[in-house]
PDB file of all heavy atoms in Angstrom:
ATOM      1  N   GLY A   1       0.799  -1.206   0.000  1.00  0.00           N
ATOM      2  CA  GLY A   1       0.000   0.000   0.000  1.00  0.00           C
ATOM      3  C   GLY A   1       0.835   1.261   0.000  1.00  0.00           C
ATOM      4  O   GLY A   1       2.066   1.219  -0.028  1.00  0.00           O
ATOM      5  N   SER A   2       0.143   2.394   0.058  1.00  0.00           N
ATOM      6  CA  SER A   2       0.803   3.694  -0.010  1.00  0.00           C
ATOM      7  C   SER A   2       0.297   4.627   1.072  1.00  0.00           C
ATOM      8  O   SER A   2      -0.847   4.529   1.513  1.00  0.00           O
ATOM      9  CB  SER A   2       0.567   4.350  -1.369  1.00  0.00           C
ATOM     10  OG  SER A   2       1.103   3.575  -2.427  1.00  0.00           O
ATOM     11  N   LEU A   3       1.157   5.531   1.481  1.00  0.00           N
ATOM     12  CA  LEU A   3       0.811   6.607   2.389  1.00  0.00           C
ATOM     13  C   LEU A   3       1.554   7.856   1.967  1.00  0.00           C
ATOM     14  O   LEU A   3       2.637   7.772   1.377  1.00  0.00           O
ATOM     15  CB  LEU A   3       1.188   6.279   3.832  1.00  0.00           C
ATOM     16  CG  LEU A   3       0.296   5.337   4.637  1.00  0.00           C
ATOM     17  CD1 LEU A   3       0.939   5.072   5.998  1.00  0.00           C
ATOM     18  CD2 LEU A   3      -1.093   5.922   4.818  1.00  0.00           C
ATOM     19  N   ARG A   4       0.978   8.998   2.290  1.00  0.00           N
ATOM     20  CA  ARG A   4       1.631  10.270   2.046  1.00  0.00           C
ATOM     21  C   ARG A   4       1.696  11.042   3.360  1.00  0.00           C
ATOM     22  O   ARG A   4       0.662  11.402   3.927  1.00  0.00           O
ATOM     23  CB  ARG A   4       0.876  11.088   0.997  1.00  0.00           C
ATOM     24  CG  ARG A   4       1.556  12.417   0.640  1.00  0.00           C
ATOM     25  CD  ARG A   4       0.805  13.114  -0.485  1.00  0.00           C
ATOM     26  NE  ARG A   4       1.337  14.427  -0.805  1.00  0.00           N
ATOM     27  CZ  ARG A   4       2.365  14.659  -1.621  1.00  0.00           C
ATOM     28  NH1 ARG A   4       2.989  13.640  -2.209  1.00  0.00           N
ATOM     29  NH2 ARG A   4       2.763  15.896  -1.852  1.00  0.00           N
ATOM     30  N   LEU A   5       2.899  11.271   3.834  1.00  0.00           N
ATOM     31  CA  LEU A   5       3.111  12.022   5.053  1.00  0.00           C
ATOM     32  C   LEU A   5       3.317  13.495   4.740  1.00  0.00           C
ATOM     33  O   LEU A   5       3.923  13.843   3.724  1.00  0.00           O
ATOM     34  CB  LEU A   5       4.328  11.499   5.816  1.00  0.00           C
ATOM     35  CG  LEU A   5       4.347  10.014   6.173  1.00  0.00           C
ATOM     36  CD1 LEU A   5       5.590   9.697   6.997  1.00  0.00           C
ATOM     37  CD2 LEU A   5       3.091   9.611   6.928  1.00  0.00           C
ATOM     38  N   SER A   6       2.823  14.336   5.619  1.00  0.00           N
ATOM     39  CA  SER A   6       2.984  15.771   5.469  1.00  0.00           C
ATOM     40  C   SER A   6       3.596  16.342   6.738  1.00  0.00           C
ATOM     41  O   SER A   6       3.359  15.845   7.834  1.00  0.00           O
ATOM     42  CB  SER A   6       1.642  16.455   5.206  1.00  0.00           C
ATOM     43  OG  SER A   6       1.039  15.973   4.026  1.00  0.00           O
ATOM     44  N   CYS A   7       4.354  17.399   6.576  1.00  0.00           N
ATOM     45  CA  CYS A   7       4.941  18.097   7.708  1.00  0.00           C
ATOM     46  C   CYS A   7       4.865  19.584   7.450  1.00  0.00           C
ATOM     47  O   CYS A   7       5.337  20.062   6.410  1.00  0.00           O
ATOM     48  CB  CYS A   7       6.392  17.674   7.921  1.00  0.00           C
ATOM     49  SG  CYS A   7       7.255  18.603   9.210  1.00  0.00           S
ATOM     50  N   ALA A   8       4.296  20.302   8.384  1.00  0.00           N
ATOM     51  CA  ALA A   8       4.161  21.746   8.269  1.00  0.00           C
ATOM     52  C   ALA A   8       4.929  22.437   9.385  1.00  0.00           C
ATOM     53  O   ALA A   8       4.838  22.033  10.549  1.00  0.00           O
ATOM     54  CB  ALA A   8       2.691  22.147   8.314  1.00  0.00           C
ATOM     55  N   ALA A   9       5.675  23.454   9.019  1.00  0.00           N
ATOM     56  CA  ALA A   9       6.425  24.237   9.992  1.00  0.00           C
ATOM     57  C   ALA A   9       5.660  25.491  10.361  1.00  0.00           C
ATOM     58  O   ALA A   9       4.974  26.081   9.533  1.00  0.00           O
ATOM     59  CB  ALA A   9       7.791  24.612   9.433  1.00  0.00           C
ATOM     60  N   SER A  10       5.809  25.900  11.593  1.00  0.00           N
ATOM     61  CA  SER A  10       5.183  27.117  12.070  1.00  0.00           C
ATOM     62  C   SER A  10       6.080  27.780  13.110  1.00  0.00           C
ATOM     63  O   SER A  10       7.054  27.187  13.578  1.00  0.00           O
ATOM     64  CB  SER A  10       3.806  26.826  12.680  1.00  0.00           C
ATOM     65  OG  SER A  10       3.927  25.970  13.808  1.00  0.00           O
ATOM     66  N   GLY A  11       5.751  29.015  13.455  1.00  0.00           N
ATOM     67  CA  GLY A  11       6.471  29.679  14.519  1.00  0.00           C
ATOM     68  C   GLY A  11       7.278  30.898  14.121  1.00  0.00           C
ATOM     69  O   GLY A  11       7.993  31.458  14.956  1.00  0.00           O
ATOM     70  N   GLY A  12       7.191  31.306  12.867  1.00  0.00           N
ATOM     71  CA  GLY A  12       7.920  32.482  12.449  1.00  0.00           C
ATOM     72  C   GLY A  12       8.251  32.483  10.975  1.00  0.00           C
ATOM     73  O   GLY A  12       7.777  31.639  10.213  1.00  0.00           O
ATOM     74  N   SER A  13       9.073  33.438  10.607  1.00  0.00           N
ATOM     75  CA  SER A  13       9.528  33.570   9.228  1.00  0.00           C
ATOM     76  C   SER A  13      10.964  33.049   9.144  1.00  0.00           C
ATOM     77  O   SER A  13      11.873  33.603   9.773  1.00  0.00           O
ATOM     78  CB  SER A  13       9.461  35.025   8.780  1.00  0.00           C
ATOM     79  OG  SER A  13       9.921  35.169   7.453  1.00  0.00           O
ATOM     80  N   PHE A  14      11.160  32.007   8.371  1.00  0.00           N
ATOM     81  CA  PHE A  14      12.473  31.388   8.277  1.00  0.00           C
ATOM     82  C   PHE A  14      12.542  30.528   7.026  1.00  0.00           C
ATOM     83  O   PHE A  14      11.526  30.252   6.391  1.00  0.00           O
ATOM     84  CB  PHE A  14      12.753  30.527   9.522  1.00  0.00           C
ATOM     85  CG  PHE A  14      11.568  29.716   9.960  1.00  0.00           C
ATOM     86  CD1 PHE A  14      11.205  28.568   9.297  1.00  0.00           C
ATOM     87  CD2 PHE A  14      10.808  30.123  11.050  1.00  0.00           C
ATOM     88  CE1 PHE A  14      10.109  27.820   9.689  1.00  0.00           C
ATOM     89  CE2 PHE A  14       9.705  29.385  11.465  1.00  0.00           C
ATOM     90  CZ  PHE A  14       9.358  28.237  10.783  1.00  0.00           C
ATOM     91  N   THR A  15      13.749  30.103   6.716  1.00  0.00           N
ATOM     92  CA  THR A  15      13.982  29.206   5.595  1.00  0.00           C
ATOM     93  C   THR A  15      14.834  28.044   6.080  1.00  0.00           C
ATOM     94  O   THR A  15      15.889  28.245   6.690  1.00  0.00           O
ATOM     95  CB  THR A  15      14.690  29.924   4.432  1.00  0.00           C
ATOM     96  OG1 THR A  15      13.893  31.015   3.981  1.00  0.00           O
ATOM     97  CG2 THR A  15      14.921  28.959   3.285  1.00  0.00           C
ATOM     98  N   PHE A  16      14.368  26.860   5.817  1.00  0.00           N
ATOM     99  CA  PHE A  16      15.122  25.674   6.193  1.00  0.00           C
ATOM    100  C   PHE A  16      16.165  25.353   5.129  1.00  0.00           C
ATOM    101  O   PHE A  16      15.854  25.292   3.942  1.00  0.00           O
ATOM    102  CB  PHE A  16      14.195  24.472   6.355  1.00  0.00           C
ATOM    103  CG  PHE A  16      13.318  24.537   7.567  1.00  0.00           C
ATOM    104  CD1 PHE A  16      12.014  24.984   7.464  1.00  0.00           C
ATOM    105  CD2 PHE A  16      13.795  24.146   8.804  1.00  0.00           C
ATOM    106  CE1 PHE A  16      11.193  25.047   8.570  1.00  0.00           C
ATOM    107  CE2 PHE A  16      12.990  24.198   9.924  1.00  0.00           C
ATOM    108  CZ  PHE A  16      11.690  24.649   9.814  1.00  0.00           C
ATOM    109  N   ASN A  17      17.401  25.153   5.562  1.00  0.00           N
ATOM    110  CA  ASN A  17      18.433  24.678   4.645  1.00  0.00           C
ATOM    111  C   ASN A  17      18.085  23.288   4.136  1.00  0.00           C
ATOM    112  O   ASN A  17      18.323  22.952   2.974  1.00  0.00           O
ATOM    113  CB  ASN A  17      19.803  24.621   5.325  1.00  0.00           C
ATOM    114  CG  ASN A  17      20.339  25.983   5.694  1.00  0.00           C
ATOM    115  OD1 ASN A  17      21.123  26.092   6.625  1.00  0.00           O
ATOM    116  ND2 ASN A  17      19.922  27.018   4.988  1.00  0.00           N
ATOM    117  N   SER A  18      17.541  22.506   5.030  1.00  0.00           N
ATOM    118  CA  SER A  18      17.203  21.132   4.702  1.00  0.00           C
ATOM    119  C   SER A  18      15.941  20.734   5.444  1.00  0.00           C
ATOM    120  O   SER A  18      15.742  21.117   6.594  1.00  0.00           O
ATOM    121  CB  SER A  18      18.352  20.192   5.084  1.00  0.00           C
ATOM    122  OG  SER A  18      18.022  18.840   4.831  1.00  0.00           O
ATOM    123  N   MET A  19      15.099  19.978   4.786  1.00  0.00           N
ATOM    124  CA  MET A  19      13.929  19.383   5.413  1.00  0.00           C
ATOM    125  C   MET A  19      13.826  17.939   4.957  1.00  0.00           C
ATOM    126  O   MET A  19      14.215  17.609   3.835  1.00  0.00           O
ATOM    127  CB  MET A  19      12.646  20.124   5.046  1.00  0.00           C
ATOM    128  CG  MET A  19      12.552  21.548   5.561  1.00  0.00           C
ATOM    129  SD  MET A  19      10.886  22.254   5.347  1.00  0.00           S
ATOM    130  CE  MET A  19      10.003  21.439   6.702  1.00  0.00           C
ATOM    131  N   GLY A  20      13.305  17.113   5.826  1.00  0.00           N
ATOM    132  CA  GLY A  20      13.170  15.725   5.436  1.00  0.00           C
ATOM    133  C   GLY A  20      12.556  14.871   6.509  1.00  0.00           C
ATOM    134  O   GLY A  20      11.844  15.362   7.394  1.00  0.00           O
ATOM    135  N   TRP A  21      12.861  13.585   6.416  1.00  0.00           N
ATOM    136  CA  TRP A  21      12.224  12.597   7.263  1.00  0.00           C
ATOM    137  C   TRP A  21      13.220  11.593   7.801  1.00  0.00           C
ATOM    138  O   TRP A  21      14.104  11.123   7.078  1.00  0.00           O
ATOM    139  CB  TRP A  21      11.145  11.843   6.470  1.00  0.00           C
ATOM    140  CG  TRP A  21      10.053  12.730   5.986  1.00  0.00           C
ATOM    141  CD1 TRP A  21      10.005  13.416   4.814  1.00  0.00           C
ATOM    142  CD2 TRP A  21       8.841  13.026   6.681  1.00  0.00           C
ATOM    143  NE1 TRP A  21       8.837  14.130   4.729  1.00  0.00           N
ATOM    144  CE2 TRP A  21       8.102  13.909   5.864  1.00  0.00           C
ATOM    145  CE3 TRP A  21       8.309  12.638   7.911  1.00  0.00           C
ATOM    146  CZ2 TRP A  21       6.855  14.397   6.239  1.00  0.00           C
ATOM    147  CZ3 TRP A  21       7.074  13.130   8.285  1.00  0.00           C
ATOM    148  CH2 TRP A  21       6.362  13.994   7.449  1.00  0.00           C
ATOM    149  N   TYR A  22      13.076  11.287   9.066  1.00  0.00           N
ATOM    150  CA  TYR A  22      13.771  10.203   9.714  1.00  0.00           C
ATOM    151  C   TYR A  22      12.732   9.217  10.229  1.00  0.00           C
ATOM    152  O   TYR A  22      11.553   9.546  10.328  1.00  0.00           O
ATOM    153  CB  TYR A  22      14.615  10.705  10.881  1.00  0.00           C
ATOM    154  CG  TYR A  22      15.890  11.409  10.486  1.00  0.00           C
ATOM    155  CD1 TYR A  22      15.863  12.658   9.886  1.00  0.00           C
ATOM    156  CD2 TYR A  22      17.130  10.824  10.737  1.00  0.00           C
ATOM    157  CE1 TYR A  22      17.028  13.312   9.526  1.00  0.00           C
ATOM    158  CE2 TYR A  22      18.304  11.471  10.393  1.00  0.00           C
ATOM    159  CZ  TYR A  22      18.250  12.709   9.794  1.00  0.00           C
ATOM    160  OH  TYR A  22      19.418  13.339   9.454  1.00  0.00           O
ATOM    161  N   ARG A  23      13.179   8.039  10.572  1.00  0.00           N
ATOM    162  CA  ARG A  23      12.268   7.072  11.169  1.00  0.00           C
ATOM    163  C   ARG A  23      12.997   6.253  12.224  1.00  0.00           C
ATOM    164  O   ARG A  23      14.212   6.115  12.193  1.00  0.00           O
ATOM    165  CB  ARG A  23      11.657   6.146  10.115  1.00  0.00           C
ATOM    166  CG  ARG A  23      12.637   5.179   9.462  1.00  0.00           C
ATOM    167  CD  ARG A  23      11.953   4.401   8.362  1.00  0.00           C
ATOM    168  NE  ARG A  23      12.852   3.467   7.708  1.00  0.00           N
ATOM    169  CZ  ARG A  23      12.561   2.769   6.626  1.00  0.00           C
ATOM    170  NH1 ARG A  23      11.352   2.901   6.062  1.00  0.00           N
ATOM    171  NH2 ARG A  23      13.432   1.932   6.091  1.00  0.00           N
ATOM    172  N   GLN A  24      12.226   5.723  13.144  1.00  0.00           N
ATOM    173  CA  GLN A  24      12.773   4.896  14.194  1.00  0.00           C
ATOM    174  C   GLN A  24      11.821   3.745  14.482  1.00  0.00           C
ATOM    175  O   GLN A  24      10.673   3.957  14.865  1.00  0.00           O
ATOM    176  CB  GLN A  24      13.019   5.704  15.466  1.00  0.00           C
ATOM    177  CG  GLN A  24      13.754   4.941  16.546  1.00  0.00           C
ATOM    178  CD  GLN A  24      14.256   5.848  17.653  1.00  0.00           C
ATOM    179  OE1 GLN A  24      13.710   6.918  17.882  1.00  0.00           O
ATOM    180  NE2 GLN A  24      15.308   5.426  18.331  1.00  0.00           N
ATOM    181  N   ALA A  25      12.323   2.546  14.282  1.00  0.00           N
ATOM    182  CA  ALA A  25      11.567   1.341  14.574  1.00  0.00           C
ATOM    183  C   ALA A  25      11.925   0.852  15.972  1.00  0.00           C
ATOM    184  O   ALA A  25      13.000   1.167  16.492  1.00  0.00           O
ATOM    185  CB  ALA A  25      11.872   0.258  13.541  1.00  0.00           C
ATOM    186  N   PRO A  26      11.051   0.081  16.603  1.00  0.00           N
ATOM    187  CA  PRO A  26      11.348  -0.435  17.940  1.00  0.00           C
ATOM    188  C   PRO A  26      12.672  -1.182  17.980  1.00  0.00           C
ATOM    189  O   PRO A  26      12.937  -2.038  17.137  1.00  0.00           O
ATOM    190  CB  PRO A  26      10.171  -1.373  18.220  1.00  0.00           C
ATOM    191  CG  PRO A  26       9.051  -0.821  17.404  1.00  0.00           C
ATOM    192  CD  PRO A  26       9.709  -0.332  16.145  1.00  0.00           C
ATOM    193  N   GLY A  27      13.506  -0.831  18.949  1.00  0.00           N
ATOM    194  CA  GLY A  27      14.782  -1.493  19.109  1.00  0.00           C
ATOM    195  C   GLY A  27      15.858  -1.075  18.133  1.00  0.00           C
ATOM    196  O   GLY A  27      16.944  -1.663  18.128  1.00  0.00           O
ATOM    197  N   ARG A  28      15.579  -0.084  17.308  1.00  0.00           N
ATOM    198  CA  ARG A  28      16.552   0.372  16.328  1.00  0.00           C
ATOM    199  C   ARG A  28      16.828   1.858  16.493  1.00  0.00           C
ATOM    200  O   ARG A  28      16.045   2.593  17.095  1.00  0.00           O
ATOM    201  CB  ARG A  28      16.060   0.089  14.912  1.00  0.00           C
ATOM    202  CG  ARG A  28      15.803  -1.377  14.626  1.00  0.00           C
ATOM    203  CD  ARG A  28      15.444  -1.603  13.188  1.00  0.00           C
ATOM    204  NE  ARG A  28      16.534  -1.232  12.288  1.00  0.00           N
ATOM    205  CZ  ARG A  28      16.476  -1.331  10.965  1.00  0.00           C
ATOM    206  NH1 ARG A  28      15.382  -1.800  10.390  1.00  0.00           N
ATOM    207  NH2 ARG A  28      17.511  -0.962  10.221  1.00  0.00           N
ATOM    208  N   GLN A  29      17.944   2.292  15.944  1.00  0.00           N
ATOM    209  CA  GLN A  29      18.299   3.698  15.988  1.00  0.00           C
ATOM    210  C   GLN A  29      17.516   4.492  14.955  1.00  0.00           C
ATOM    211  O   GLN A  29      17.064   3.952  13.942  1.00  0.00           O
ATOM    212  CB  GLN A  29      19.798   3.879  15.738  1.00  0.00           C
ATOM    213  CG  GLN A  29      20.695   3.357  16.841  1.00  0.00           C
ATOM    214  CD  GLN A  29      22.145   3.692  16.592  1.00  0.00           C
ATOM    215  OE1 GLN A  29      22.659   3.488  15.498  1.00  0.00           O
ATOM    216  NE2 GLN A  29      22.807   4.222  17.614  1.00  0.00           N
ATOM    217  N   ARG A  30      17.371   5.762  15.221  1.00  0.00           N
ATOM    218  CA  ARG A  30      16.733   6.636  14.262  1.00  0.00           C
ATOM    219  C   ARG A  30      17.614   6.754  13.022  1.00  0.00           C
ATOM    220  O   ARG A  30      18.830   6.918  13.122  1.00  0.00           O
ATOM    221  CB  ARG A  30      16.501   8.016  14.879  1.00  0.00           C
ATOM    222  CG  ARG A  30      15.667   8.949  14.027  1.00  0.00           C
ATOM    223  CD  ARG A  30      15.328  10.239  14.768  1.00  0.00           C
ATOM    224  NE  ARG A  30      14.521   9.989  15.957  1.00  0.00           N
ATOM    225  CZ  ARG A  30      13.965  10.941  16.689  1.00  0.00           C
ATOM    226  NH1 ARG A  30      14.108  12.211  16.353  1.00  0.00           N
ATOM    227  NH2 ARG A  30      13.258  10.626  17.770  1.00  0.00           N
ATOM    228  N   GLU A  31      16.999   6.670  11.859  1.00  0.00           N
ATOM    229  CA  GLU A  31      17.747   6.705  10.617  1.00  0.00           C
ATOM    230  C   GLU A  31      17.129   7.676   9.628  1.00  0.00           C
ATOM    231  O   GLU A  31      15.922   7.914   9.632  1.00  0.00           O
ATOM    232  CB  GLU A  31      17.809   5.310   9.983  1.00  0.00           C
ATOM    233  CG  GLU A  31      16.454   4.763   9.560  1.00  0.00           C
ATOM    234  CD  GLU A  31      16.541   3.431   8.847  1.00  0.00           C
ATOM    235  OE1 GLU A  31      17.670   2.983   8.544  1.00  0.00           O
ATOM    236  OE2 GLU A  31      15.477   2.825   8.586  1.00  0.00           O
ATOM    237  N   LEU A  32      17.982   8.219   8.784  1.00  0.00           N
ATOM    238  CA  LEU A  32      17.513   9.095   7.721  1.00  0.00           C
ATOM    239  C   LEU A  32      16.733   8.299   6.691  1.00  0.00           C
ATOM    240  O   LEU A  32      17.174   7.244   6.240  1.00  0.00           O
ATOM    241  CB  LEU A  32      18.700   9.780   7.050  1.00  0.00           C
ATOM    242  CG  LEU A  32      18.378  10.606   5.797  1.00  0.00           C
ATOM    243  CD1 LEU A  32      17.596  11.865   6.174  1.00  0.00           C
ATOM    244  CD2 LEU A  32      19.658  10.978   5.052  1.00  0.00           C
TER     245      LEU A  32
END
């Protein structure tokens, strides 16, 4: 199947050099 994740930033006026996603499964380290 498929999913589409969204992420919205708030809190001021700024520009991100980089944006993206990490994930962490049980018992594992967070990974890019």
